[in-house]
C-alpha cells in the first residue's frame, strides 16, 4: 500500500511540474507577442504564473531556452499527436493527398509558429544571443523540408530535372513564416484559402 501511495504522489508531482511548465510557456508566448523579445523577462513570466524566478530558471536557463520551448510547442499544432508525426503518417504514394495533408497541417501550425519565428528574426538583428537561435530554427526547418523533398523523390513525385535540393527550396518557400504573414496577416486570407494556395502551388511544382 505504501508503494502505491509513493507512486501516486510521484505521478501527482510529475503532473504538477508539467502544468507549471505549460503555464510558463503560455505566459512567455503571450509576453513575446505583446511586448516583444526585449520586453519579455524571466521575472515577468514568473510573476504572471505566480512562481519564483528561480523555479523558471530551473526549467529554462534563460530567455532563448524559453523561446525555444515556445516555438517547439507551436510546432506541435492542435491535439495530442504532433503535427510532424501526423505529416510523417501521410501516405507518400498519393501526391495530391500528401500535398493536401501537408497544406492543412501548415495552416494549422502557421498561426501558432509564424509570428514567433518572425519575431525571432527581427530581434536577432538587435540581440546577439538570439542570432544563433534564429539560425538554429531556420536550419531545423530547412532540414525538415529536405527530408520531405527526399520523401517526394523516393515516391517518384519529382519531375525530370528537379533535384532534391531544388524541391527542398520550394518546400522551404511555401512553409515560410513570411508567406503566412503576407497572405493571412496582411492580405487577410482565410486559413482554408492559404492551405489551398499551398496545395495548388506545390502540386504545380511536382510531377503528378
N, C-alpha and C. Protein backbone atom coordinates (compact mmCIF):
# COMPACT_ATOMS: atom_id res chain seq x y z
N UNK A 1 0.82 -1.20 0.00
CA UNK A 1 0.00 0.00 0.00
C UNK A 1 0.86 1.26 0.00
N UNK A 2 1.96 1.19 0.80
CA UNK A 2 2.85 2.35 0.86
C UNK A 2 3.49 2.63 -0.49
N UNK A 3 3.88 1.53 -1.20
CA UNK A 3 4.48 1.70 -2.51
C UNK A 3 3.52 2.35 -3.48
N UNK A 4 2.26 1.98 -3.40
CA UNK A 4 1.26 2.56 -4.28
C UNK A 4 1.12 4.04 -4.01
N UNK A 5 1.13 4.40 -2.72
CA UNK A 5 0.99 5.81 -2.35
C UNK A 5 2.15 6.63 -2.87
N UNK A 6 3.37 6.07 -2.78
CA UNK A 6 4.54 6.81 -3.26
C UNK A 6 4.45 7.02 -4.77
N UNK A 7 4.01 5.95 -5.49
CA UNK A 7 3.88 6.08 -6.93
C UNK A 7 2.83 7.13 -7.28
N UNK A 8 1.73 7.13 -6.54
CA UNK A 8 0.66 8.10 -6.78
C UNK A 8 1.15 9.52 -6.54
N UNK A 9 1.89 9.70 -5.45
CA UNK A 9 2.43 11.03 -5.15
C UNK A 9 3.42 11.47 -6.23
N UNK A 10 4.22 10.52 -6.70
CA UNK A 10 5.18 10.83 -7.74
C UNK A 10 4.49 11.25 -9.02
N UNK A 11 3.40 10.57 -9.36
CA UNK A 11 2.64 10.93 -10.56
C UNK A 11 2.04 12.32 -10.42
N UNK A 12 1.55 12.63 -9.21
CA UNK A 12 0.99 13.96 -8.96
C UNK A 12 2.04 15.05 -9.13
N UNK A 13 3.23 14.78 -8.61
CA UNK A 13 4.30 15.77 -8.73
C UNK A 13 4.70 15.98 -10.18
N UNK A 14 4.76 14.88 -10.93
CA UNK A 14 5.11 14.99 -12.34
C UNK A 14 4.05 15.79 -13.10
N UNK A 15 2.79 15.50 -12.83
CA UNK A 15 1.69 16.22 -13.50
C UNK A 15 1.71 17.70 -13.13
N UNK A 16 1.98 18.00 -11.87
CA UNK A 16 2.03 19.39 -11.44
C UNK A 16 3.20 20.12 -12.08
N UNK A 17 4.33 19.45 -12.17
CA UNK A 17 5.50 20.06 -12.81
C UNK A 17 5.21 20.37 -14.28
N UNK A 18 4.49 19.46 -14.96
CA UNK A 18 4.15 19.69 -16.35
C UNK A 18 3.16 20.84 -16.50
N UNK A 19 2.22 20.94 -15.55
CA UNK A 19 1.26 22.06 -15.59
C UNK A 19 1.98 23.39 -15.44
N UNK A 20 2.94 23.45 -14.52
CA UNK A 20 3.70 24.69 -14.31
C UNK A 20 4.51 25.02 -15.56
N UNK A 21 5.14 24.02 -16.13
CA UNK A 21 5.92 24.25 -17.34
C UNK A 21 5.03 24.79 -18.46
N UNK A 22 3.85 24.22 -18.59
CA UNK A 22 2.93 24.67 -19.62
C UNK A 22 2.49 26.12 -19.39
N UNK A 23 2.22 26.45 -18.14
CA UNK A 23 1.85 27.83 -17.81
C UNK A 23 2.97 28.80 -18.18
N UNK A 24 4.20 28.41 -17.90
CA UNK A 24 5.34 29.28 -18.19
C UNK A 24 5.49 29.50 -19.68
N UNK A 25 5.34 28.44 -20.45
CA UNK A 25 5.47 28.56 -21.91
C UNK A 25 4.35 29.43 -22.47
N UNK A 26 3.13 29.23 -21.97
CA UNK A 26 2.00 30.04 -22.43
C UNK A 26 2.19 31.52 -22.07
N UNK A 27 2.67 31.76 -20.86
CA UNK A 27 2.89 33.14 -20.41
C UNK A 27 3.99 33.80 -21.24
N UNK A 28 5.04 33.03 -21.54
CA UNK A 28 6.15 33.57 -22.34
C UNK A 28 5.66 33.92 -23.74
N UNK A 29 4.85 33.05 -24.33
CA UNK A 29 4.32 33.34 -25.67
C UNK A 29 3.49 34.62 -25.65
N UNK A 30 2.64 34.76 -24.64
CA UNK A 30 1.79 35.95 -24.55
C UNK A 30 2.63 37.21 -24.43
N UNK A 31 3.67 37.16 -23.60
CA UNK A 31 4.53 38.33 -23.44
C UNK A 31 5.32 38.63 -24.71
N UNK A 32 5.83 37.59 -25.36
CA UNK A 32 6.60 37.80 -26.58
C UNK A 32 5.77 38.51 -27.64
N UNK A 33 4.53 38.09 -27.78
CA UNK A 33 3.67 38.67 -28.81
C UNK A 33 3.15 40.06 -28.43
N UNK A 34 3.11 40.34 -27.14
CA UNK A 34 2.56 41.64 -26.72
C UNK A 34 3.64 42.70 -26.53
N UNK A 35 4.81 42.33 -26.02
CA UNK A 35 5.85 43.34 -25.74
C UNK A 35 7.17 43.03 -26.44
N UNK A 36 7.23 41.96 -27.22
CA UNK A 36 8.45 41.64 -27.95
C UNK A 36 9.48 40.92 -27.10
N UNK A 37 10.57 40.54 -27.75
CA UNK A 37 11.60 39.79 -27.04
C UNK A 37 12.29 40.63 -25.98
N UNK A 38 12.61 41.86 -26.31
CA UNK A 38 13.31 42.72 -25.35
C UNK A 38 12.46 42.99 -24.12
N UNK A 39 11.14 43.11 -24.30
CA UNK A 39 10.27 43.41 -23.17
C UNK A 39 9.90 42.21 -22.33
N UNK A 40 10.19 41.02 -22.84
CA UNK A 40 9.90 39.80 -22.09
C UNK A 40 11.06 39.49 -21.15
N UNK A 41 10.75 39.08 -19.95
CA UNK A 41 11.81 38.74 -18.99
C UNK A 41 11.38 37.54 -18.15
N UNK A 42 12.35 36.82 -17.65
CA UNK A 42 12.07 35.66 -16.78
C UNK A 42 11.29 36.09 -15.54
N UNK A 43 11.68 37.18 -14.84
CA UNK A 43 10.91 37.61 -13.67
C UNK A 43 9.45 37.94 -14.00
N UNK A 44 9.21 38.56 -15.16
CA UNK A 44 7.84 38.90 -15.54
C UNK A 44 7.03 37.65 -15.83
N UNK A 45 7.64 36.69 -16.50
CA UNK A 45 6.96 35.42 -16.78
C UNK A 45 6.65 34.71 -15.47
N UNK A 46 7.61 34.70 -14.57
CA UNK A 46 7.42 34.06 -13.27
C UNK A 46 6.28 34.73 -12.50
N UNK A 47 6.28 36.04 -12.50
CA UNK A 47 5.25 36.78 -11.76
C UNK A 47 3.86 36.48 -12.31
N UNK A 48 3.74 36.42 -13.63
CA UNK A 48 2.43 36.17 -14.22
C UNK A 48 1.90 34.78 -13.90
N UNK A 49 2.81 33.86 -13.58
CA UNK A 49 2.41 32.49 -13.24
C UNK A 49 2.43 32.25 -11.73
N UNK A 50 2.78 33.30 -10.98
CA UNK A 50 2.82 33.23 -9.51
C UNK A 50 3.79 32.16 -9.01
N UNK A 51 4.97 32.13 -9.65
CA UNK A 51 6.05 31.25 -9.20
C UNK A 51 7.31 32.11 -9.08
N UNK A 52 8.34 31.56 -8.50
CA UNK A 52 9.58 32.31 -8.34
C UNK A 52 10.39 32.29 -9.63
N UNK A 53 11.20 33.30 -9.82
CA UNK A 53 12.08 33.35 -10.99
C UNK A 53 13.04 32.16 -10.97
N UNK A 54 13.44 31.75 -9.76
CA UNK A 54 14.37 30.61 -9.64
C UNK A 54 13.75 29.35 -10.20
N UNK A 55 12.45 29.17 -9.99
CA UNK A 55 11.80 27.95 -10.50
C UNK A 55 11.72 27.97 -12.02
N UNK A 56 11.65 29.17 -12.60
CA UNK A 56 11.67 29.27 -14.07
C UNK A 56 13.06 28.92 -14.59
N UNK A 57 14.08 29.46 -13.94
CA UNK A 57 15.46 29.19 -14.39
C UNK A 57 15.82 27.71 -14.26
N UNK A 58 15.19 27.00 -13.33
CA UNK A 58 15.45 25.56 -13.20
C UNK A 58 14.98 24.81 -14.43
N UNK A 59 13.92 25.31 -15.05
CA UNK A 59 13.37 24.67 -16.25
C UNK A 59 13.95 25.24 -17.53
N UNK A 60 14.19 26.54 -17.52
CA UNK A 60 14.70 27.24 -18.71
C UNK A 60 15.84 28.15 -18.26
N UNK A 61 17.07 27.85 -18.63
CA UNK A 61 18.22 28.61 -18.13
C UNK A 61 18.29 30.06 -18.59
N UNK A 62 17.44 30.45 -19.52
CA UNK A 62 17.45 31.84 -19.98
C UNK A 62 16.35 32.07 -21.00
N UNK A 63 16.22 33.30 -21.47
CA UNK A 63 15.15 33.63 -22.43
C UNK A 63 15.24 32.82 -23.73
N UNK A 64 16.45 32.59 -24.28
CA UNK A 64 16.49 31.79 -25.50
C UNK A 64 15.91 30.39 -25.32
N UNK A 65 16.19 29.78 -24.16
CA UNK A 65 15.64 28.44 -23.90
C UNK A 65 14.13 28.48 -23.78
N UNK A 66 13.62 29.52 -23.15
CA UNK A 66 12.17 29.68 -23.02
C UNK A 66 11.55 29.92 -24.39
N UNK A 67 12.20 30.72 -25.20
CA UNK A 67 11.70 30.99 -26.55
C UNK A 67 11.72 29.72 -27.39
N UNK A 68 12.76 28.91 -27.24
CA UNK A 68 12.83 27.65 -27.97
C UNK A 68 11.66 26.74 -27.59
N UNK A 69 11.29 26.75 -26.32
CA UNK A 69 10.16 25.94 -25.87
C UNK A 69 8.84 26.45 -26.46
N UNK A 70 8.72 27.76 -26.60
CA UNK A 70 7.52 28.35 -27.20
C UNK A 70 7.40 27.89 -28.66
N UNK A 71 8.50 27.93 -29.38
CA UNK A 71 8.50 27.50 -30.78
C UNK A 71 8.17 26.02 -30.88
N UNK A 72 8.80 25.22 -30.03
CA UNK A 72 8.57 23.78 -30.06
C UNK A 72 7.10 23.45 -29.81
N UNK A 73 6.49 24.13 -28.86
CA UNK A 73 5.08 23.90 -28.58
C UNK A 73 4.22 24.31 -29.77
N UNK A 74 4.54 25.44 -30.38
CA UNK A 74 3.75 25.92 -31.52
C UNK A 74 3.79 24.93 -32.67
N UNK A 75 4.94 24.29 -32.87
CA UNK A 75 5.09 23.35 -33.96
C UNK A 75 4.31 22.05 -33.74
N UNK A 76 3.88 21.83 -32.52
CA UNK A 76 3.09 20.63 -32.23
C UNK A 76 1.72 20.68 -32.89
N UNK A 77 1.21 21.90 -33.11
CA UNK A 77 -0.12 22.03 -33.67
C UNK A 77 -1.20 21.78 -32.63
N UNK A 78 -2.35 21.30 -33.09
CA UNK A 78 -3.51 21.09 -32.23
C UNK A 78 -3.67 19.59 -31.93
N UNK A 79 -3.98 19.29 -30.68
CA UNK A 79 -4.28 17.90 -30.34
C UNK A 79 -3.10 17.16 -29.76
N UNK A 80 -3.32 15.92 -29.35
CA UNK A 80 -2.30 15.16 -28.65
C UNK A 80 -1.18 14.63 -29.54
N UNK A 81 -1.42 14.52 -30.84
CA UNK A 81 -0.40 14.00 -31.76
C UNK A 81 0.26 15.16 -32.49
N UNK A 82 1.57 15.24 -32.42
CA UNK A 82 2.31 16.35 -33.01
C UNK A 82 2.07 16.44 -34.51
N UNK A 83 2.06 17.65 -35.03
CA UNK A 83 1.84 17.86 -36.46
C UNK A 83 2.88 17.14 -37.30
N UNK A 84 4.12 17.14 -36.85
CA UNK A 84 5.18 16.46 -37.60
C UNK A 84 4.91 14.97 -37.68
N UNK A 85 4.45 14.38 -36.59
CA UNK A 85 4.12 12.95 -36.59
C UNK A 85 2.98 12.66 -37.55
N UNK A 86 1.98 13.53 -37.55
CA UNK A 86 0.85 13.34 -38.47
C UNK A 86 1.29 13.52 -39.91
N UNK A 87 2.22 14.44 -40.15
CA UNK A 87 2.74 14.63 -41.51
C UNK A 87 3.47 13.39 -41.99
N UNK A 88 4.26 12.80 -41.11
CA UNK A 88 5.02 11.60 -41.47
C UNK A 88 4.11 10.41 -41.74
N UNK A 89 2.92 10.42 -41.15
CA UNK A 89 1.99 9.30 -41.32
C UNK A 89 1.19 9.38 -42.62
N UNK A 90 1.26 10.51 -43.32
CA UNK A 90 0.53 10.65 -44.58
C UNK A 90 1.12 9.72 -45.63
N UNK A 91 0.29 9.02 -46.40
CA UNK A 91 0.81 8.11 -47.43
C UNK A 91 1.52 8.87 -48.54
N UNK A 92 2.72 8.41 -48.88
CA UNK A 92 3.52 9.11 -49.88
C UNK A 92 3.12 8.75 -51.30
N UNK A 93 2.39 7.67 -51.48
CA UNK A 93 2.07 7.23 -52.82
C UNK A 93 1.11 8.13 -53.57
N UNK A 94 0.22 8.80 -52.87
CA UNK A 94 -0.78 9.67 -53.48
C UNK A 94 -0.31 11.12 -53.32
N UNK A 95 0.21 11.70 -54.39
CA UNK A 95 0.80 13.04 -54.30
C UNK A 95 -0.24 14.08 -53.90
N UNK A 96 -1.42 14.03 -54.48
CA UNK A 96 -2.45 15.01 -54.17
C UNK A 96 -2.82 14.96 -52.69
N UNK A 97 -3.01 13.74 -52.16
CA UNK A 97 -3.36 13.59 -50.75
C UNK A 97 -2.21 14.04 -49.85
N UNK A 98 -0.99 13.73 -50.26
CA UNK A 98 0.17 14.11 -49.46
C UNK A 98 0.32 15.62 -49.38
N UNK A 99 0.26 16.29 -50.53
CA UNK A 99 0.41 17.74 -50.54
C UNK A 99 -0.76 18.42 -49.85
N UNK A 100 -1.97 17.88 -50.02
CA UNK A 100 -3.12 18.44 -49.33
C UNK A 100 -2.99 18.30 -47.82
N UNK A 101 -2.49 17.16 -47.38
CA UNK A 101 -2.27 16.96 -45.95
C UNK A 101 -1.22 17.89 -45.39
N UNK A 102 -0.13 18.05 -46.13
CA UNK A 102 0.91 18.99 -45.69
C UNK A 102 0.36 20.42 -45.62
N UNK A 103 -0.45 20.78 -46.60
CA UNK A 103 -1.01 22.14 -46.64
C UNK A 103 -1.94 22.37 -45.46
N UNK A 104 -2.77 21.40 -45.14
CA UNK A 104 -3.68 21.56 -43.99
C UNK A 104 -2.90 21.68 -42.69
N UNK A 105 -1.85 20.91 -42.54
CA UNK A 105 -1.03 20.99 -41.33
C UNK A 105 -0.30 22.33 -41.27
N UNK A 106 0.13 22.83 -42.43
CA UNK A 106 0.77 24.15 -42.45
C UNK A 106 -0.20 25.22 -41.98
N UNK A 107 -1.46 25.12 -42.41
CA UNK A 107 -2.47 26.10 -41.99
C UNK A 107 -2.80 25.97 -40.51
N UNK A 108 -2.61 24.80 -39.97
CA UNK A 108 -2.84 24.59 -38.54
C UNK A 108 -1.70 25.16 -37.70
N UNK A 109 -0.49 24.95 -38.15
CA UNK A 109 0.70 25.31 -37.36
C UNK A 109 1.11 26.78 -37.56
N UNK A 110 0.97 27.29 -38.78
CA UNK A 110 1.48 28.63 -39.09
C UNK A 110 0.96 29.73 -38.16
N UNK A 111 -0.34 29.76 -37.83
CA UNK A 111 -0.79 30.85 -36.94
C UNK A 111 -0.12 30.81 -35.57
N UNK A 112 0.36 29.65 -35.18
CA UNK A 112 1.00 29.49 -33.87
C UNK A 112 2.48 29.80 -33.92
N UNK A 113 3.14 29.38 -35.00
CA UNK A 113 4.60 29.49 -35.01
C UNK A 113 5.12 30.67 -35.84
N UNK A 114 4.42 31.06 -36.91
CA UNK A 114 4.95 32.11 -37.78
C UNK A 114 5.20 33.43 -37.06
N UNK A 115 4.26 33.93 -36.23
CA UNK A 115 4.54 35.20 -35.53
C UNK A 115 5.77 35.13 -34.64
N UNK A 116 6.01 33.98 -34.04
CA UNK A 116 7.18 33.83 -33.16
C UNK A 116 8.45 33.78 -34.00
N UNK A 117 8.44 33.04 -35.11
CA UNK A 117 9.63 32.98 -35.96
C UNK A 117 9.98 34.34 -36.53
N UNK A 118 8.98 35.10 -36.93
CA UNK A 118 9.25 36.44 -37.45
C UNK A 118 9.79 37.35 -36.35
N UNK A 119 9.27 37.20 -35.15
CA UNK A 119 9.75 37.98 -34.01
C UNK A 119 11.21 37.65 -33.73
N UNK A 120 11.55 36.36 -33.75
CA UNK A 120 12.94 35.95 -33.52
C UNK A 120 13.86 36.55 -34.56
N UNK A 121 13.43 36.49 -35.81
CA UNK A 121 14.27 37.00 -36.90
C UNK A 121 14.52 38.50 -36.74
N UNK A 122 13.49 39.23 -36.36
CA UNK A 122 13.64 40.68 -36.17
C UNK A 122 14.53 40.98 -34.97
N UNK A 123 14.28 40.29 -33.87
CA UNK A 123 15.04 40.55 -32.65
C UNK A 123 16.49 40.12 -32.78
N UNK A 124 16.77 39.12 -33.63
CA UNK A 124 18.14 38.63 -33.79
C UNK A 124 19.06 39.72 -34.33
N UNK A 125 18.50 40.66 -35.07
CA UNK A 125 19.31 41.75 -35.59
C UNK A 125 19.72 42.75 -34.54
N UNK A 126 19.07 42.68 -33.37
CA UNK A 126 19.36 43.63 -32.30
C UNK A 126 19.87 42.96 -31.02
N UNK A 127 19.85 41.63 -31.01
CA UNK A 127 20.24 40.90 -29.80
C UNK A 127 21.14 39.74 -30.19
N UNK A 128 22.41 39.83 -29.79
CA UNK A 128 23.41 38.84 -30.21
C UNK A 128 23.06 37.43 -29.75
N UNK A 129 22.44 37.30 -28.57
CA UNK A 129 22.17 35.96 -28.06
C UNK A 129 21.09 35.24 -28.87
N UNK A 130 20.34 35.99 -29.68
CA UNK A 130 19.31 35.38 -30.50
C UNK A 130 19.80 34.98 -31.89
N UNK A 131 20.97 35.45 -32.28
CA UNK A 131 21.46 35.16 -33.62
C UNK A 131 21.59 33.67 -33.85
N UNK A 132 22.19 32.98 -32.89
CA UNK A 132 22.36 31.53 -33.01
C UNK A 132 21.04 30.80 -33.01
N UNK A 133 20.10 31.24 -32.19
CA UNK A 133 18.79 30.59 -32.12
C UNK A 133 18.04 30.78 -33.43
N UNK A 134 18.09 31.98 -33.99
CA UNK A 134 17.42 32.23 -35.26
C UNK A 134 17.99 31.32 -36.35
N UNK A 135 19.30 31.15 -36.36
CA UNK A 135 19.93 30.28 -37.35
C UNK A 135 19.53 28.82 -37.10
N UNK A 136 19.46 28.44 -35.84
CA UNK A 136 19.07 27.07 -35.49
C UNK A 136 17.65 26.76 -35.97
N UNK A 137 16.73 27.68 -35.74
CA UNK A 137 15.35 27.46 -36.14
C UNK A 137 15.22 27.39 -37.66
N UNK A 138 15.95 28.24 -38.36
CA UNK A 138 15.95 28.19 -39.83
C UNK A 138 16.53 26.86 -40.32
N UNK A 139 17.63 26.44 -39.71
CA UNK A 139 18.27 25.18 -40.10
C UNK A 139 17.34 24.00 -39.85
N UNK A 140 16.61 24.04 -38.75
CA UNK A 140 15.68 22.94 -38.44
C UNK A 140 14.59 22.84 -39.50
N UNK A 141 14.07 23.98 -39.93
CA UNK A 141 13.02 23.95 -40.95
C UNK A 141 13.60 23.51 -42.28
N UNK A 142 14.79 23.96 -42.60
CA UNK A 142 15.44 23.54 -43.84
C UNK A 142 15.67 22.02 -43.84
N UNK A 143 16.10 21.48 -42.72
CA UNK A 143 16.33 20.04 -42.63
C UNK A 143 15.03 19.27 -42.82
N UNK A 144 13.96 19.78 -42.20
CA UNK A 144 12.67 19.12 -42.33
C UNK A 144 12.19 19.15 -43.77
N UNK A 145 12.33 20.26 -44.46
CA UNK A 145 11.89 20.37 -45.84
C UNK A 145 12.75 19.50 -46.76
N UNK A 146 14.03 19.35 -46.45
CA UNK A 146 14.89 18.47 -47.23
C UNK A 146 14.46 17.02 -47.07
N UNK A 147 14.10 16.64 -45.84
CA UNK A 147 13.58 15.29 -45.61
C UNK A 147 12.30 15.06 -46.41
N UNK A 148 11.43 16.06 -46.45
CA UNK A 148 10.19 15.94 -47.21
C UNK A 148 10.48 15.82 -48.71
N UNK A 149 11.48 16.57 -49.17
CA UNK A 149 11.84 16.50 -50.59
C UNK A 149 12.38 15.11 -50.93
N UNK A 150 13.16 14.53 -50.06
CA UNK A 150 13.66 13.17 -50.29
C UNK A 150 12.51 12.17 -50.31
N UNK A 151 11.51 12.42 -49.48
CA UNK A 151 10.34 11.55 -49.47
C UNK A 151 9.61 11.64 -50.81
N UNK A 152 9.47 12.84 -51.33
CA UNK A 152 8.84 13.02 -52.65
C UNK A 152 9.65 12.31 -53.73
N UNK A 153 10.96 12.46 -53.66
CA UNK A 153 11.81 11.82 -54.66
C UNK A 153 11.69 10.30 -54.58
N UNK A 154 11.67 9.77 -53.36
CA UNK A 154 11.57 8.33 -53.18
C UNK A 154 10.27 7.75 -53.71
N UNK A 155 9.23 8.57 -53.71
CA UNK A 155 7.93 8.13 -54.21
C UNK A 155 7.74 8.43 -55.69
N UNK A 156 8.78 8.99 -56.32
CA UNK A 156 8.72 9.26 -57.75
C UNK A 156 7.92 10.49 -58.12
N UNK A 157 7.83 11.47 -57.20
CA UNK A 157 7.00 12.65 -57.45
C UNK A 157 7.75 13.87 -57.97
N UNK A 158 9.06 13.74 -58.18
CA UNK A 158 9.81 14.88 -58.70
C UNK A 158 9.93 14.76 -60.21
N UNK A 159 9.54 15.80 -60.90
CA UNK A 159 9.62 15.76 -62.35
C UNK A 159 11.08 15.71 -62.81
N UNK A 160 11.27 15.30 -64.04
CA UNK A 160 12.62 15.17 -64.58
C UNK A 160 13.37 16.52 -64.48
N UNK A 161 14.58 16.46 -63.98
CA UNK A 161 15.41 17.65 -63.88
C UNK A 161 15.27 18.40 -62.56
N UNK A 162 14.29 18.02 -61.73
CA UNK A 162 14.10 18.69 -60.44
C UNK A 162 14.85 17.93 -59.36
N UNK A 163 15.88 18.55 -58.82
CA UNK A 163 16.71 17.89 -57.81
C UNK A 163 16.04 17.93 -56.44
N UNK A 164 16.53 17.09 -55.56
CA UNK A 164 16.04 17.10 -54.18
C UNK A 164 16.29 18.46 -53.54
N UNK A 165 17.44 19.05 -53.82
CA UNK A 165 17.77 20.35 -53.23
C UNK A 165 16.82 21.43 -53.73
N UNK A 166 16.51 21.41 -55.04
CA UNK A 166 15.58 22.41 -55.56
C UNK A 166 14.17 22.17 -55.00
N UNK A 167 13.78 20.92 -54.87
CA UNK A 167 12.48 20.61 -54.27
C UNK A 167 12.42 21.09 -52.82
N UNK A 168 13.54 20.93 -52.10
CA UNK A 168 13.59 21.42 -50.72
C UNK A 168 13.45 22.94 -50.68
N UNK A 169 14.05 23.63 -51.66
CA UNK A 169 13.92 25.09 -51.74
C UNK A 169 12.45 25.49 -51.92
N UNK A 170 11.73 24.75 -52.75
CA UNK A 170 10.32 25.04 -53.00
C UNK A 170 9.50 24.83 -51.73
N UNK A 171 9.73 23.70 -51.07
CA UNK A 171 9.01 23.41 -49.82
C UNK A 171 9.36 24.44 -48.74
N UNK A 172 10.62 24.85 -48.71
CA UNK A 172 11.10 25.85 -47.76
C UNK A 172 10.35 27.17 -47.95
N UNK A 173 10.13 27.54 -49.21
CA UNK A 173 9.44 28.79 -49.53
C UNK A 173 7.97 28.72 -49.12
N UNK A 174 7.30 27.64 -49.46
CA UNK A 174 5.88 27.53 -49.16
C UNK A 174 5.60 27.35 -47.66
N UNK A 175 6.60 26.93 -46.91
CA UNK A 175 6.42 26.78 -45.46
C UNK A 175 6.93 27.97 -44.68
N UNK A 176 7.34 29.03 -45.37
CA UNK A 176 7.98 30.16 -44.70
C UNK A 176 6.98 30.99 -43.89
N UNK A 177 7.41 31.52 -42.76
CA UNK A 177 6.54 32.41 -41.98
C UNK A 177 6.21 33.68 -42.76
N UNK A 178 7.10 34.09 -43.66
CA UNK A 178 6.84 35.29 -44.46
C UNK A 178 5.62 35.10 -45.36
N UNK A 179 5.47 33.92 -45.95
CA UNK A 179 4.33 33.67 -46.83
C UNK A 179 3.03 33.72 -46.04
N UNK A 180 3.02 33.11 -44.86
CA UNK A 180 1.83 33.19 -44.00
C UNK A 180 1.52 34.64 -43.65
N UNK A 181 2.54 35.41 -43.32
CA UNK A 181 2.33 36.80 -42.92
C UNK A 181 1.76 37.61 -44.09
N UNK A 182 2.30 37.41 -45.28
CA UNK A 182 1.83 38.16 -46.44
C UNK A 182 0.38 37.85 -46.79
N UNK A 183 0.04 36.57 -46.78
CA UNK A 183 -1.29 36.17 -47.25
C UNK A 183 -2.37 36.25 -46.16
N UNK A 184 -2.07 35.73 -44.99
CA UNK A 184 -3.10 35.64 -43.94
C UNK A 184 -3.15 36.91 -43.09
N UNK A 185 -2.00 37.38 -42.64
CA UNK A 185 -1.99 38.53 -41.75
C UNK A 185 -2.22 39.83 -42.53
N UNK A 186 -1.42 40.04 -43.57
CA UNK A 186 -1.51 41.31 -44.29
C UNK A 186 -2.64 41.35 -45.32
N UNK A 187 -2.85 40.25 -46.03
CA UNK A 187 -3.89 40.23 -47.06
C UNK A 187 -5.21 39.67 -46.56
N UNK A 188 -5.20 39.17 -45.33
CA UNK A 188 -6.41 38.68 -44.65
C UNK A 188 -7.08 37.51 -45.38
N UNK A 189 -6.26 36.63 -45.92
CA UNK A 189 -6.79 35.39 -46.47
C UNK A 189 -7.26 34.50 -45.33
N UNK A 190 -8.25 33.67 -45.60
CA UNK A 190 -8.65 32.67 -44.61
C UNK A 190 -7.60 31.55 -44.61
N UNK A 191 -7.59 30.78 -43.54
CA UNK A 191 -6.65 29.66 -43.48
C UNK A 191 -6.97 28.60 -44.52
N UNK A 192 -8.25 28.44 -44.85
CA UNK A 192 -8.62 27.50 -45.91
C UNK A 192 -8.03 27.93 -47.26
N UNK A 193 -8.12 29.23 -47.55
CA UNK A 193 -7.56 29.73 -48.80
C UNK A 193 -6.03 29.61 -48.80
N UNK A 194 -5.43 29.85 -47.66
CA UNK A 194 -3.98 29.71 -47.51
C UNK A 194 -3.56 28.26 -47.77
N UNK A 195 -4.29 27.32 -47.18
CA UNK A 195 -3.97 25.90 -47.38
C UNK A 195 -4.15 25.50 -48.84
N UNK A 196 -5.23 26.00 -49.46
CA UNK A 196 -5.48 25.68 -50.86
C UNK A 196 -4.37 26.23 -51.75
N UNK A 197 -3.89 27.44 -51.44
CA UNK A 197 -2.81 28.06 -52.20
C UNK A 197 -1.54 27.21 -52.11
N UNK A 198 -1.21 26.75 -50.92
CA UNK A 198 -0.02 25.92 -50.73
C UNK A 198 -0.15 24.61 -51.49
N UNK A 199 -1.29 23.96 -51.35
CA UNK A 199 -1.50 22.68 -52.01
C UNK A 199 -1.40 22.81 -53.53
N UNK A 200 -2.10 23.81 -54.09
CA UNK A 200 -2.08 24.01 -55.54
C UNK A 200 -0.70 24.43 -56.03
N UNK A 201 -0.04 25.29 -55.25
CA UNK A 201 1.29 25.76 -55.64
C UNK A 201 2.30 24.63 -55.66
N UNK A 202 2.27 23.80 -54.64
CA UNK A 202 3.20 22.67 -54.60
C UNK A 202 2.90 21.66 -55.71
N UNK A 203 1.60 21.41 -55.93
CA UNK A 203 1.22 20.46 -56.98
C UNK A 203 1.72 20.91 -58.35
N UNK A 204 1.77 22.21 -58.57
CA UNK A 204 2.24 22.71 -59.87
C UNK A 204 3.74 22.53 -60.05
N UNK A 205 4.45 22.30 -58.95
CA UNK A 205 5.91 22.18 -59.00
C UNK A 205 6.39 20.75 -59.13
N UNK A 206 5.54 19.81 -58.72
CA UNK A 206 5.97 18.41 -58.70
C UNK A 206 5.18 17.57 -59.70
N UNK A 207 5.73 16.46 -60.05
CA UNK A 207 5.11 15.58 -61.03
C UNK A 207 3.85 14.94 -60.47
N UNK A 208 2.87 14.67 -61.32
CA UNK A 208 1.66 14.00 -60.90
C UNK A 208 1.78 12.50 -60.97
